Amino acid sequence: MQVEALGLATRAKVHWTEVWANDGMRSDATPLLDDTDGKYVFPVDGDSWGTANFVFGENSGQLRGDILSLRPAFSDGELAHTIVWVCGRAPAPRGFTVRGENETTIPASKLVAACRVRT
């Protein structure tokens, strides 16, 4: 189910990549969260940094009503235009800074490995 959110976020990622390529990193662009074809999750909101928040719907069992956030992280180094996407409570890779607010409400024990804090 969480993997579905990652797939639905693809259009939003492309949207933000185009915004940043054309206008630079600025925080006044409008989120794009219009892909509602999910069976388990649905985009609910985002922020002007590129965050996409997904809520788990009726078919999601114990996760129903929980939120999963996907946020952009930008390179701090000489490759300043490098972007990676951070899922849930996962930390940014070394040398990257995450933007946007994490609104993930899924318990850590139920997050897929890519979305957890690594220990």
PDB file of N, CA and C in Angstrom:
ATOM      1  N   MET A   1       0.807  -1.197   0.000  1.00  0.00           N
ATOM      2  CA  MET A   1       0.000   0.000   0.000  1.00  0.00           C
ATOM      3  C   MET A   1       0.859   1.275   0.000  1.00  0.00           C
ATOM      4  N   GLN A   2       1.937   1.285   0.780  1.00  0.00           N
ATOM      5  CA  GLN A   2       2.782   2.473   0.818  1.00  0.00           C
ATOM      6  C   GLN A   2       3.502   2.674  -0.506  1.00  0.00           C
ATOM      7  N   VAL A   3       3.796   1.582  -1.174  1.00  0.00           N
ATOM      8  CA  VAL A   3       4.457   1.668  -2.477  1.00  0.00           C
ATOM      9  C   VAL A   3       3.551   2.386  -3.468  1.00  0.00           C
ATOM     10  N   GLU A   4       2.235   2.228  -3.320  1.00  0.00           N
ATOM     11  CA  GLU A   4       1.307   2.919  -4.206  1.00  0.00           C
ATOM     12  C   GLU A   4       1.488   4.431  -4.094  1.00  0.00           C
ATOM     13  N   ALA A   5       1.714   4.940  -2.896  1.00  0.00           N
ATOM     14  CA  ALA A   5       1.932   6.385  -2.720  1.00  0.00           C
ATOM     15  C   ALA A   5       3.165   6.834  -3.484  1.00  0.00           C
ATOM     16  N   LEU A   6       4.210   6.018  -3.452  1.00  0.00           N
ATOM     17  CA  LEU A   6       5.435   6.373  -4.172  1.00  0.00           C
ATOM     18  C   LEU A   6       5.160   6.465  -5.667  1.00  0.00           C
ATOM     19  N   GLY A   7       4.350   5.561  -6.186  1.00  0.00           N
ATOM     20  CA  GLY A   7       3.989   5.598  -7.605  1.00  0.00           C
ATOM     21  C   GLY A   7       3.129   6.802  -7.952  1.00  0.00           C
ATOM     22  N   LEU A   8       2.149   7.106  -7.096  1.00  0.00           N
ATOM     23  CA  LEU A   8       1.270   8.243  -7.358  1.00  0.00           C
ATOM     24  C   LEU A   8       2.018   9.572  -7.290  1.00  0.00           C
ATOM     25  N   ALA A   9       3.108   9.598  -6.566  1.00  0.00           N
ATOM     26  CA  ALA A   9       3.875  10.836  -6.420  1.00  0.00           C
ATOM     27  C   ALA A   9       4.701  11.172  -7.655  1.00  0.00           C
ATOM     28  N   THR A  10       4.794  10.263  -8.596  1.00  0.00           N
ATOM     29  CA  THR A  10       5.648  10.468  -9.767  1.00  0.00           C
ATOM     30  C   THR A  10       5.306  11.759 -10.514  1.00  0.00           C
ATOM     31  N   ARG A  11       4.040  12.005 -10.767  1.00  0.00           N
ATOM     32  CA  ARG A  11       3.660  13.227 -11.493  1.00  0.00           C
ATOM     33  C   ARG A  11       4.017  14.476 -10.706  1.00  0.00           C
ATOM     34  N   ALA A  12       3.829  14.420  -9.378  1.00  0.00           N
ATOM     35  CA  ALA A  12       4.186  15.571  -8.544  1.00  0.00           C
ATOM     36  C   ALA A  12       5.695  15.813  -8.580  1.00  0.00           C
ATOM     37  N   LYS A  13       6.480  14.740  -8.589  1.00  0.00           N
ATOM     38  CA  LYS A  13       7.942  14.885  -8.654  1.00  0.00           C
ATOM     39  C   LYS A  13       8.360  15.546  -9.963  1.00  0.00           C
ATOM     40  N   VAL A  14       7.758  15.112 -11.062  1.00  0.00           N
ATOM     41  CA  VAL A  14       8.073  15.699 -12.365  1.00  0.00           C
ATOM     42  C   VAL A  14       7.686  17.179 -12.368  1.00  0.00           C
ATOM     43  N   HIS A  15       6.522  17.486 -11.827  1.00  0.00           N
ATOM     44  CA  HIS A  15       6.055  18.878 -11.737  1.00  0.00           C
ATOM     45  C   HIS A  15       7.078  19.742 -11.014  1.00  0.00           C
ATOM     46  N   TRP A  16       7.533  19.284  -9.830  1.00  0.00           N
ATOM     47  CA  TRP A  16       8.469  20.087  -9.046  1.00  0.00           C
ATOM     48  C   TRP A  16       9.826  20.188  -9.724  1.00  0.00           C
ATOM     49  N   THR A  17      10.269  19.133 -10.359  1.00  0.00           N
ATOM     50  CA  THR A  17      11.545  19.176 -11.060  1.00  0.00           C
ATOM     51  C   THR A  17      11.504  20.242 -12.160  1.00  0.00           C
ATOM     52  N   GLU A  18      10.378  20.312 -12.872  1.00  0.00           N
ATOM     53  CA  GLU A  18      10.217  21.327 -13.916  1.00  0.00           C
ATOM     54  C   GLU A  18      10.166  22.736 -13.322  1.00  0.00           C
ATOM     55  N   VAL A  19       9.428  22.897 -12.213  1.00  0.00           N
ATOM     56  CA  VAL A  19       9.347  24.213 -11.569  1.00  0.00           C
ATOM     57  C   VAL A  19      10.733  24.677 -11.164  1.00  0.00           C
ATOM     58  N   TRP A  20      11.492  23.803 -10.486  1.00  0.00           N
ATOM     59  CA  TRP A  20      12.818  24.199 -10.014  1.00  0.00           C
ATOM     60  C   TRP A  20      13.785  24.441 -11.166  1.00  0.00           C
ATOM     61  N   ALA A  21      13.676  23.651 -12.248  1.00  0.00           N
ATOM     62  CA  ALA A  21      14.557  23.843 -13.404  1.00  0.00           C
ATOM     63  C   ALA A  21      14.254  25.169 -14.096  1.00  0.00           C
ATOM     64  N   ASN A  22      12.980  25.529 -14.186  1.00  0.00           N
ATOM     65  CA  ASN A  22      12.589  26.753 -14.893  1.00  0.00           C
ATOM     66  C   ASN A  22      12.700  28.007 -14.045  1.00  0.00           C
ATOM     67  N   ASP A  23      12.354  27.915 -12.759  1.00  0.00           N
ATOM     68  CA  ASP A  23      12.244  29.103 -11.921  1.00  0.00           C
ATOM     69  C   ASP A  23      13.238  29.147 -10.772  1.00  0.00           C
ATOM     70  N   GLY A  24      14.058  28.116 -10.624  1.00  0.00           N
ATOM     71  CA  GLY A  24      14.952  28.044  -9.477  1.00  0.00           C
ATOM     72  C   GLY A  24      14.202  27.572  -8.243  1.00  0.00           C
ATOM     73  N   MET A  25      14.938  27.327  -7.194  1.00  0.00           N
ATOM     74  CA  MET A  25      14.310  26.861  -5.960  1.00  0.00           C
ATOM     75  C   MET A  25      13.628  28.034  -5.279  1.00  0.00           C
ATOM     76  N   ARG A  26      12.347  28.093  -5.421  1.00  0.00           N
ATOM     77  CA  ARG A  26      11.578  29.127  -4.746  1.00  0.00           C
ATOM     78  C   ARG A  26      10.371  28.470  -4.110  1.00  0.00           C
ATOM     79  N   SER A  27       9.845  29.082  -3.107  1.00  0.00           N
ATOM     80  CA  SER A  27       8.804  28.404  -2.345  1.00  0.00           C
ATOM     81  C   SER A  27       7.420  28.990  -2.551  1.00  0.00           C
ATOM     82  N   ASP A  28       7.123  29.457  -3.754  1.00  0.00           N
ATOM     83  CA  ASP A  28       5.782  29.987  -3.980  1.00  0.00           C
ATOM     84  C   ASP A  28       5.053  29.270  -5.114  1.00  0.00           C
ATOM     85  N   ALA A  29       5.546  28.116  -5.503  1.00  0.00           N
ATOM     86  CA  ALA A  29       4.871  27.342  -6.541  1.00  0.00           C
ATOM     87  C   ALA A  29       3.705  26.564  -5.926  1.00  0.00           C
ATOM     88  N   THR A  30       2.771  26.177  -6.752  1.00  0.00           N
ATOM     89  CA  THR A  30       1.590  25.446  -6.298  1.00  0.00           C
ATOM     90  C   THR A  30       1.843  23.947  -6.364  1.00  0.00           C
ATOM     91  N   PRO A  31       1.504  23.198  -5.288  1.00  0.00           N
ATOM     92  CA  PRO A  31       1.659  21.743  -5.327  1.00  0.00           C
ATOM     93  C   PRO A  31       0.780  21.122  -6.407  1.00  0.00           C
ATOM     94  N   LEU A  32       1.224  20.015  -6.961  1.00  0.00           N
ATOM     95  CA  LEU A  32       0.450  19.258  -7.938  1.00  0.00           C
ATOM     96  C   LEU A  32       0.116  17.916  -7.308  1.00  0.00           C
ATOM     97  N   LEU A  33      -1.117  17.748  -6.914  1.00  0.00           N
ATOM     98  CA  LEU A  33      -1.551  16.506  -6.276  1.00  0.00           C
ATOM     99  C   LEU A  33      -2.875  16.069  -6.882  1.00  0.00           C
ATOM    100  N   ASP A  34      -2.864  15.843  -8.192  1.00  0.00           N
ATOM    101  CA  ASP A  34      -4.123  15.543  -8.852  1.00  0.00           C
ATOM    102  C   ASP A  34      -4.252  14.101  -9.327  1.00  0.00           C
ATOM    103  N   ASP A  35      -3.309  13.239  -8.976  1.00  0.00           N
ATOM    104  CA  ASP A  35      -3.380  11.842  -9.395  1.00  0.00           C
ATOM    105  C   ASP A  35      -4.146  11.061  -8.333  1.00  0.00           C
ATOM    106  N   THR A  36      -5.428  10.821  -8.574  1.00  0.00           N
ATOM    107  CA  THR A  36      -6.294  10.188  -7.582  1.00  0.00           C
ATOM    108  C   THR A  36      -6.682   8.769  -7.973  1.00  0.00           C
ATOM    109  N   ASP A  37      -5.840   8.102  -8.747  1.00  0.00           N
ATOM    110  CA  ASP A  37      -6.168   6.768  -9.235  1.00  0.00           C
ATOM    111  C   ASP A  37      -5.807   5.652  -8.265  1.00  0.00           C
ATOM    112  N   GLY A  38      -5.421   5.967  -7.055  1.00  0.00           N
ATOM    113  CA  GLY A  38      -4.995   4.947  -6.111  1.00  0.00           C
ATOM    114  C   GLY A  38      -6.140   4.098  -5.575  1.00  0.00           C
ATOM    115  N   LYS A  39      -5.809   2.887  -5.216  1.00  0.00           N
ATOM    116  CA  LYS A  39      -6.778   1.998  -4.580  1.00  0.00           C
ATOM    117  C   LYS A  39      -6.702   2.129  -3.065  1.00  0.00           C
ATOM    118  N   TYR A  40      -5.500   2.388  -2.533  1.00  0.00           N
ATOM    119  CA  TYR A  40      -5.286   2.432  -1.089  1.00  0.00           C
ATOM    120  C   TYR A  40      -4.989   3.826  -0.546  1.00  0.00           C
ATOM    121  N   VAL A  41      -4.308   4.650  -1.326  1.00  0.00           N
ATOM    122  CA  VAL A  41      -3.918   5.974  -0.858  1.00  0.00           C
ATOM    123  C   VAL A  41      -4.365   7.048  -1.833  1.00  0.00           C
ATOM    124  N   PHE A  42      -4.529   8.263  -1.283  1.00  0.00           N
ATOM    125  CA  PHE A  42      -4.971   9.394  -2.079  1.00  0.00           C
ATOM    126  C   PHE A  42      -4.189  10.631  -1.652  1.00  0.00           C
ATOM    127  N   PRO A  43      -3.767  11.456  -2.615  1.00  0.00           N
ATOM    128  CA  PRO A  43      -3.070  12.685  -2.241  1.00  0.00           C
ATOM    129  C   PRO A  43      -4.051  13.622  -1.540  1.00  0.00           C
ATOM    130  N   VAL A  44      -3.612  14.222  -0.438  1.00  0.00           N
ATOM    131  CA  VAL A  44      -4.503  15.132   0.282  1.00  0.00           C
ATOM    132  C   VAL A  44      -4.003  16.565   0.274  1.00  0.00           C
ATOM    133  N   ASP A  45      -2.718  16.749   0.372  1.00  0.00           N
ATOM    134  CA  ASP A  45      -2.195  18.112   0.325  1.00  0.00           C
ATOM    135  C   ASP A  45      -0.692  18.060   0.141  1.00  0.00           C
ATOM    136  N   GLY A  46      -0.117  19.230   0.098  1.00  0.00           N
ATOM    137  CA  GLY A  46       1.318  19.358  -0.046  1.00  0.00           C
ATOM    138  C   GLY A  46       1.706  20.754   0.378  1.00  0.00           C
ATOM    139  N   ASP A  47       2.950  21.080   0.168  1.00  0.00           N
ATOM    140  CA  ASP A  47       3.373  22.438   0.492  1.00  0.00           C
ATOM    141  C   ASP A  47       4.190  22.993  -0.662  1.00  0.00           C
ATOM    142  N   SER A  48       4.568  24.244  -0.531  1.00  0.00           N
ATOM    143  CA  SER A  48       5.257  24.910  -1.628  1.00  0.00           C
ATOM    144  C   SER A  48       6.713  24.485  -1.762  1.00  0.00           C
ATOM    145  N   TRP A  49       7.195  23.598  -0.898  1.00  0.00           N
ATOM    146  CA  TRP A  49       8.543  23.042  -1.041  1.00  0.00           C
ATOM    147  C   TRP A  49       8.536  21.758  -1.851  1.00  0.00           C
ATOM    148  N   GLY A  50       7.385  21.225  -2.173  1.00  0.00           N
ATOM    149  CA  GLY A  50       7.316  20.006  -2.960  1.00  0.00           C
ATOM    150  C   GLY A  50       6.845  18.791  -2.182  1.00  0.00           C
ATOM    151  N   THR A  51       6.540  18.959  -0.900  1.00  0.00           N
ATOM    152  CA  THR A  51       6.043  17.842  -0.099  1.00  0.00           C
ATOM    153  C   THR A  51       4.717  17.352  -0.653  1.00  0.00           C
ATOM    154  N   ALA A  52       4.541  16.045  -0.671  1.00  0.00           N
ATOM    155  CA  ALA A  52       3.270  15.428  -1.040  1.00  0.00           C
ATOM    156  C   ALA A  52       2.833  14.555   0.128  1.00  0.00           C
ATOM    157  N   ASN A  53       1.614  14.779   0.616  1.00  0.00           N
ATOM    158  CA  ASN A  53       1.057  13.985   1.711  1.00  0.00           C
ATOM    159  C   ASN A  53      -0.063  13.112   1.161  1.00  0.00           C
ATOM    160  N   PHE A  54      -0.021  11.841   1.534  1.00  0.00           N
ATOM    161  CA  PHE A  54      -1.010  10.871   1.080  1.00  0.00           C
ATOM    162  C   PHE A  54      -1.736  10.293   2.281  1.00  0.00           C
ATOM    163  N   VAL A  55      -3.061  10.178   2.181  1.00  0.00           N
ATOM    164  CA  VAL A  55      -3.845   9.573   3.250  1.00  0.00           C
ATOM    165  C   VAL A  55      -4.271   8.176   2.796  1.00  0.00           C
ATOM    166  N   PHE A  56      -4.255   7.246   3.731  1.00  0.00           N
ATOM    167  CA  PHE A  56      -4.682   5.881   3.459  1.00  0.00           C
ATOM    168  C   PHE A  56      -6.194   5.808   3.594  1.00  0.00           C
ATOM    169  N   GLY A  57      -6.848   5.255   2.567  1.00  0.00           N
ATOM    170  CA  GLY A  57      -8.298   5.248   2.482  1.00  0.00           C
ATOM    171  C   GLY A  57      -8.965   3.998   3.041  1.00  0.00           C
ATOM    172  N   GLU A  58     -10.219   3.832   2.638  1.00  0.00           N
ATOM    173  CA  GLU A  58     -11.097   2.763   3.123  1.00  0.00           C
ATOM    174  C   GLU A  58     -10.504   1.361   2.996  1.00  0.00           C
ATOM    175  N   ASN A  59      -9.772   1.089   1.931  1.00  0.00           N
ATOM    176  CA  ASN A  59      -9.247  -0.254   1.673  1.00  0.00           C
ATOM    177  C   ASN A  59      -7.918  -0.531   2.377  1.00  0.00           C
ATOM    178  N   SER A  60      -7.517   0.314   3.294  1.00  0.00           N
ATOM    179  CA  SER A  60      -6.178   0.241   3.860  1.00  0.00           C
ATOM    180  C   SER A  60      -6.074  -0.458   5.210  1.00  0.00           C
ATOM    181  N   GLY A  61      -7.150  -1.052   5.672  1.00  0.00           N
ATOM    182  CA  GLY A  61      -7.101  -1.794   6.931  1.00  0.00           C
ATOM    183  C   GLY A  61      -6.654  -0.933   8.096  1.00  0.00           C
ATOM    184  N   GLN A  62      -5.644  -1.402   8.830  1.00  0.00           N
ATOM    185  CA  GLN A  62      -5.170  -0.713  10.035  1.00  0.00           C
ATOM    186  C   GLN A  62      -4.554   0.657   9.753  1.00  0.00           C
ATOM    187  N   LEU A  63      -4.150   0.908   8.528  1.00  0.00           N
ATOM    188  CA  LEU A  63      -3.531   2.198   8.200  1.00  0.00           C
ATOM    189  C   LEU A  63      -4.554   3.258   7.795  1.00  0.00           C
ATOM    190  N   ARG A  64      -5.821   2.894   7.755  1.00  0.00           N
ATOM    191  CA  ARG A  64      -6.880   3.818   7.325  1.00  0.00           C
ATOM    192  C   ARG A  64      -6.782   5.139   8.105  1.00  0.00           C
ATOM    193  N   GLY A  65      -6.728   6.236   7.363  1.00  0.00           N
ATOM    194  CA  GLY A  65      -6.655   7.565   7.954  1.00  0.00           C
ATOM    195  C   GLY A  65      -5.241   8.048   8.237  1.00  0.00           C
ATOM    196  N   ASP A  66      -4.252   7.158   8.173  1.00  0.00           N
ATOM    197  CA  ASP A  66      -2.869   7.573   8.399  1.00  0.00           C
ATOM    198  C   ASP A  66      -2.328   8.326   7.191  1.00  0.00           C
ATOM    199  N   ILE A  67      -1.280   9.105   7.425  1.00  0.00           N
ATOM    200  CA  ILE A  67      -0.671   9.933   6.380  1.00  0.00           C
ATOM    201  C   ILE A  67       0.774   9.509   6.164  1.00  0.00           C
ATOM    202  N   LEU A  68       1.196   9.528   4.898  1.00  0.00           N
ATOM    203  CA  LEU A  68       2.587   9.298   4.516  1.00  0.00           C
ATOM    204  C   LEU A  68       3.057  10.515   3.732  1.00  0.00           C
ATOM    205  N   SER A  69       4.175  11.111   4.160  1.00  0.00           N
ATOM    206  CA  SER A  69       4.737  12.285   3.481  1.00  0.00           C
ATOM    207  C   SER A  69       5.944  11.901   2.636  1.00  0.00           C
ATOM    208  N   LEU A  70       6.053  12.516   1.481  1.00  0.00           N
ATOM    209  CA  LEU A  70       7.232  12.422   0.621  1.00  0.00           C
ATOM    210  C   LEU A  70       7.749  13.846   0.457  1.00  0.00           C
ATOM    211  N   ARG A  71       9.040  14.052   0.788  1.00  0.00           N
ATOM    212  CA  ARG A  71       9.609  15.395   0.762  1.00  0.00           C
ATOM    213  C   ARG A  71      10.886  15.429  -0.054  1.00  0.00           C
ATOM    214  N   PRO A  72      11.165  16.556  -0.704  1.00  0.00           N
ATOM    215  CA  PRO A  72      12.406  16.677  -1.462  1.00  0.00           C
ATOM    216  C   PRO A  72      13.584  17.003  -0.549  1.00  0.00           C
ATOM    217  N   ALA A  73      14.742  16.521  -0.931  1.00  0.00           N
ATOM    218  CA  ALA A  73      15.991  16.879  -0.256  1.00  0.00           C
ATOM    219  C   ALA A  73      16.953  17.357  -1.339  1.00  0.00           C
ATOM    220  N   PHE A  74      17.626  18.458  -1.068  1.00  0.00           N
ATOM    221  CA  PHE A  74      18.527  19.079  -2.029  1.00  0.00           C
ATOM    222  C   PHE A  74      19.966  18.916  -1.585  1.00  0.00           C
ATOM    223  N   SER A  75      20.835  18.728  -2.552  1.00  0.00           N
ATOM    224  CA  SER A  75      22.256  18.555  -2.277  1.00  0.00           C
ATOM    225  C   SER A  75      22.852  19.829  -1.707  1.00  0.00           C
ATOM    226  N   ASP A  76      23.699  19.654  -0.686  1.00  0.00           N
ATOM    227  CA  ASP A  76      24.392  20.792  -0.077  1.00  0.00           C
ATOM    228  C   ASP A  76      25.692  21.111  -0.806  1.00  0.00           C
ATOM    229  N   GLY A  77      26.177  20.192  -1.612  1.00  0.00           N
ATOM    230  CA  GLY A  77      27.496  20.320  -2.224  1.00  0.00           C
ATOM    231  C   GLY A  77      27.478  21.010  -3.553  1.00  0.00           C
ATOM    232  N   GLU A  78      28.509  20.715  -4.329  1.00  0.00           N
ATOM    233  CA  GLU A  78      28.675  21.380  -5.614  1.00  0.00           C
ATOM    234  C   GLU A  78      27.610  20.971  -6.625  1.00  0.00           C
ATOM    235  N   LEU A  79      26.939  19.843  -6.394  1.00  0.00           N
ATOM    236  CA  LEU A  79      25.834  19.434  -7.265  1.00  0.00           C
ATOM    237  C   LEU A  79      24.528  19.949  -6.671  1.00  0.00           C
ATOM    238  N   ALA A  80      24.425  21.245  -6.525  1.00  0.00           N
ATOM    239  CA  ALA A  80      23.293  21.864  -5.830  1.00  0.00           C
ATOM    240  C   ALA A  80      21.947  21.580  -6.469  1.00  0.00           C
ATOM    241  N   HIS A  81      21.930  21.101  -7.692  1.00  0.00           N
ATOM    242  CA  HIS A  81      20.661  20.836  -8.361  1.00  0.00           C
ATOM    243  C   HIS A  81      20.236  19.385  -8.254  1.00  0.00           C
ATOM    244  N   THR A  82      20.957  18.604  -7.460  1.00  0.00           N
ATOM    245  CA  THR A  82      20.596  17.210  -7.269  1.00  0.00           C
ATOM    246  C   THR A  82      19.463  17.131  -6.257  1.00  0.00           C
ATOM    247  N   ILE A  83      18.411  16.375  -6.602  1.00  0.00           N
ATOM    248  CA  ILE A  83      17.248  16.225  -5.736  1.00  0.00           C
ATOM    249  C   ILE A  83      17.020  14.743  -5.483  1.00  0.00           C
ATOM    250  N   VAL A  84      16.770  14.389  -4.242  1.00  0.00           N
ATOM    251  CA  VAL A  84      16.309  13.048  -3.889  1.00  0.00           C
ATOM    252  C   VAL A  84      15.003  13.223  -3.124  1.00  0.00           C
ATOM    253  N   TRP A  85      14.213  12.177  -3.060  1.00  0.00           N
ATOM    254  CA  TRP A  85      12.925  12.241  -2.378  1.00  0.00           C
ATOM    255  C   TRP A  85      12.987  11.371  -1.133  1.00  0.00           C
ATOM    256  N   VAL A  86      12.581  11.944  -0.012  1.00  0.00           N
ATOM    257  CA  VAL A  86      12.653  11.290   1.286  1.00  0.00           C
ATOM    258  C   VAL A  86      11.245  10.882   1.705  1.00  0.00           C
ATOM    259  N   CYS A  87      11.110   9.632   2.067  1.00  0.00           N
ATOM    260  CA  CYS A  87       9.817   9.050   2.409  1.00  0.00           C
ATOM    261  C   CYS A  87       9.643   8.958   3.922  1.00  0.00           C
ATOM    262  N   GLY A  88       8.506   9.410   4.418  1.00  0.00           N
ATOM    263  CA  GLY A  88       8.162   9.245   5.829  1.00  0.00           C
ATOM    264  C   GLY A  88       9.201   9.798   6.769  1.00  0.00           C
ATOM    265  N   ARG A  89       9.666   8.943   7.686  1.00  0.00           N
ATOM    266  CA  ARG A  89      10.628   9.368   8.707  1.00  0.00           C
ATOM    267  C   ARG A  89      12.080   9.093   8.337  1.00  0.00           C
ATOM    268  N   ALA A  90      12.308   8.662   7.118  1.00  0.00           N
ATOM    269  CA  ALA A  90      13.684   8.381   6.692  1.00  0.00           C
ATOM    270  C   ALA A  90      14.504   9.671   6.716  1.00  0.00           C
ATOM    271  N   PRO A  91      15.767   9.561   7.075  1.00  0.00           N
ATOM    272  CA  PRO A  91      16.619  10.753   7.068  1.00  0.00           C
ATOM    273  C   PRO A  91      17.070  11.094   5.660  1.00  0.00           C
ATOM    274  N   ALA A  92      17.508  12.304   5.496  1.00  0.00           N
ATOM    275  CA  ALA A  92      18.093  12.696   4.208  1.00  0.00           C
ATOM    276  C   ALA A  92      19.437  12.001   4.060  1.00  0.00           C
ATOM    277  N   PRO A  93      19.825  11.683   2.849  1.00  0.00           N
ATOM    278  CA  PRO A  93      21.168  11.135   2.642  1.00  0.00           C
ATOM    279  C   PRO A  93      22.219  12.154   3.081  1.00  0.00           C
ATOM    280  N   ARG A  94      23.397  11.667   3.405  1.00  0.00           N
ATOM    281  CA  ARG A  94      24.493  12.550   3.793  1.00  0.00           C
ATOM    282  C   ARG A  94      24.740  13.578   2.694  1.00  0.00           C
ATOM    283  N   GLY A  95      24.864  14.835   3.091  1.00  0.00           N
ATOM    284  CA  GLY A  95      25.121  15.903   2.123  1.00  0.00           C
ATOM    285  C   GLY A  95      23.865  16.509   1.524  1.00  0.00           C
ATOM    286  N   PHE A  96      22.689  16.135   2.042  1.00  0.00           N
ATOM    287  CA  PHE A  96      21.421  16.661   1.538  1.00  0.00           C
ATOM    288  C   PHE A  96      20.630  17.283   2.682  1.00  0.00           C
ATOM    289  N   THR A  97      19.797  18.268   2.346  1.00  0.00           N
ATOM    290  CA  THR A  97      18.923  18.905   3.313  1.00  0.00           C
ATOM    291  C   THR A  97      17.477  18.716   2.868  1.00  0.00           C
ATOM    292  N   VAL A  98      16.638  18.185   3.768  1.00  0.00           N
ATOM    293  CA  VAL A  98      15.221  17.959   3.464  1.00  0.00           C
ATOM    294  C   VAL A  98      14.462  19.266   3.614  1.00  0.00           C
ATOM    295  N   ARG A  99      13.520  19.499   2.717  1.00  0.00           N
ATOM    296  CA  ARG A  99      12.640  20.670   2.774  1.00  0.00           C
ATOM    297  C   ARG A  99      11.209  20.190   3.027  1.00  0.00           C
ATOM    298  N   GLY A 100      10.404  21.051   3.581  1.00  0.00           N
ATOM    299  CA  GLY A 100       9.007  20.724   3.824  1.00  0.00           C
ATOM    300  C   GLY A 100       8.813  20.008   5.159  1.00  0.00           C
ATOM    301  N   GLU A 101       7.561  19.906   5.551  1.00  0.00           N
ATOM    302  CA  GLU A 101       7.202  19.295   6.830  1.00  0.00           C
ATOM    303  C   GLU A 101       6.803  17.837   6.658  1.00  0.00           C
ATOM    304  N   ASN A 102       7.302  16.999   7.547  1.00  0.00           N
ATOM    305  CA  ASN A 102       6.927  15.591   7.553  1.00  0.00           C
ATOM    306  C   ASN A 102       5.658  15.438   8.382  1.00  0.00           C
ATOM    307  N   GLU A 103       4.569  15.024   7.744  1.00  0.00           N
ATOM    308  CA  GLU A 103       3.301  14.829   8.438  1.00  0.00           C
ATOM    309  C   GLU A 103       2.948  13.355   8.581  1.00  0.00           C
ATOM    310  N   THR A 104       3.922  12.484   8.395  1.00  0.00           N
ATOM    311  CA  THR A 104       3.684  11.042   8.483  1.00  0.00           C
ATOM    312  C   THR A 104       3.130  10.675   9.851  1.00  0.00           C
ATOM    313  N   THR A 105       2.023   9.912   9.842  1.00  0.00           N
ATOM    314  CA  THR A 105       1.415   9.450  11.096  1.00  0.00           C
ATOM    315  C   THR A 105       1.452   7.933  11.227  1.00  0.00           C
ATOM    316  N   ILE A 106       1.958   7.243  10.231  1.00  0.00           N
ATOM    317  CA  ILE A 106       2.033   5.779  10.279  1.00  0.00           C
ATOM    318  C   ILE A 106       3.027   5.385  11.371  1.00  0.00           C
ATOM    319  N   PRO A 107       2.652   4.444  12.238  1.00  0.00           N
ATOM    320  CA  PRO A 107       3.597   3.986  13.265  1.00  0.00           C
ATOM    321  C   PRO A 107       4.870   3.442  12.620  1.00  0.00           C
ATOM    322  N   ALA A 108       6.013   3.699  13.251  1.00  0.00           N
ATOM    323  CA  ALA A 108       7.309   3.283  12.702  1.00  0.00           C
ATOM    324  C   ALA A 108       7.334   1.795  12.372  1.00  0.00           C
ATOM    325  N   SER A 109       6.691   0.984  13.184  1.00  0.00           N
ATOM    326  CA  SER A 109       6.711  -0.468  12.965  1.00  0.00           C
ATOM    327  C   SER A 109       5.954  -0.882  11.711  1.00  0.00           C
ATOM    328  N   LYS A 110       5.136   0.001  11.169  1.00  0.00           N
ATOM    329  CA  LYS A 110       4.342  -0.323   9.975  1.00  0.00           C
ATOM    330  C   LYS A 110       4.859   0.355   8.710  1.00  0.00           C
ATOM    331  N   LEU A 111       5.887   1.166   8.837  1.00  0.00           N
ATOM    332  CA  LEU A 111       6.475   1.812   7.658  1.00  0.00           C
ATOM    333  C   LEU A 111       7.344   0.837   6.885  1.00  0.00           C
ATOM    334  N   VAL A 112       7.320   0.954   5.557  1.00  0.00           N
ATOM    335  CA  VAL A 112       8.244   0.156   4.746  1.00  0.00           C
ATOM    336  C   VAL A 112       9.658   0.655   5.035  1.00  0.00           C
ATOM    337  N   ALA A 113      10.643  -0.188   4.811  1.00  0.00           N
ATOM    338  CA  ALA A 113      12.037   0.101   5.178  1.00  0.00           C
ATOM    339  C   ALA A 113      12.524   1.439   4.607  1.00  0.00           C
ATOM    340  N   ALA A 114      12.153   1.765   3.380  1.00  0.00           N
ATOM    341  CA  ALA A 114      12.622   3.006   2.750  1.00  0.00           C
ATOM    342  C   ALA A 114      12.092   4.256   3.439  1.00  0.00           C
ATOM    343  N   CYS A 115      11.074   4.113   4.269  1.00  0.00           N
ATOM    344  CA  CYS A 115      10.440   5.266   4.910  1.00  0.00           C
ATOM    345  C   CYS A 115      10.728   5.369   6.406  1.00  0.00           C
ATOM    346  N   ARG A 116      11.599   4.500   6.930  1.00  0.00           N
ATOM    347  CA  ARG A 116      11.899   4.462   8.365  1.00  0.00           C
ATOM    348  C   ARG A 116      13.224   5.134   8.670  1.00  0.00           C
ATOM    349  N   VAL A 117      13.380   5.492   9.939  1.00  0.00           N
ATOM    350  CA  VAL A 117      14.677   5.935  10.436  1.00  0.00           C
ATOM    351  C   VAL A 117      15.556   4.713  10.480  1.00  0.00           C
ATOM    352  N   ARG A 118      16.750   4.838   9.916  1.00  0.00           N
ATOM    353  CA  ARG A 118      17.672   3.702   9.923  1.00  0.00           C
ATOM    354  C   ARG A 118      18.469   3.687  11.220  1.00  0.00           C
ATOM    355  N   THR A 119      18.602   2.511  11.790  1.00  0.00           N
ATOM    356  CA  THR A 119      19.374   2.406  13.045  1.00  0.00           C
ATOM    357  C   THR A 119      20.608   1.581  12.849  1.00  0.00           C
TER     358      THR A 119
END
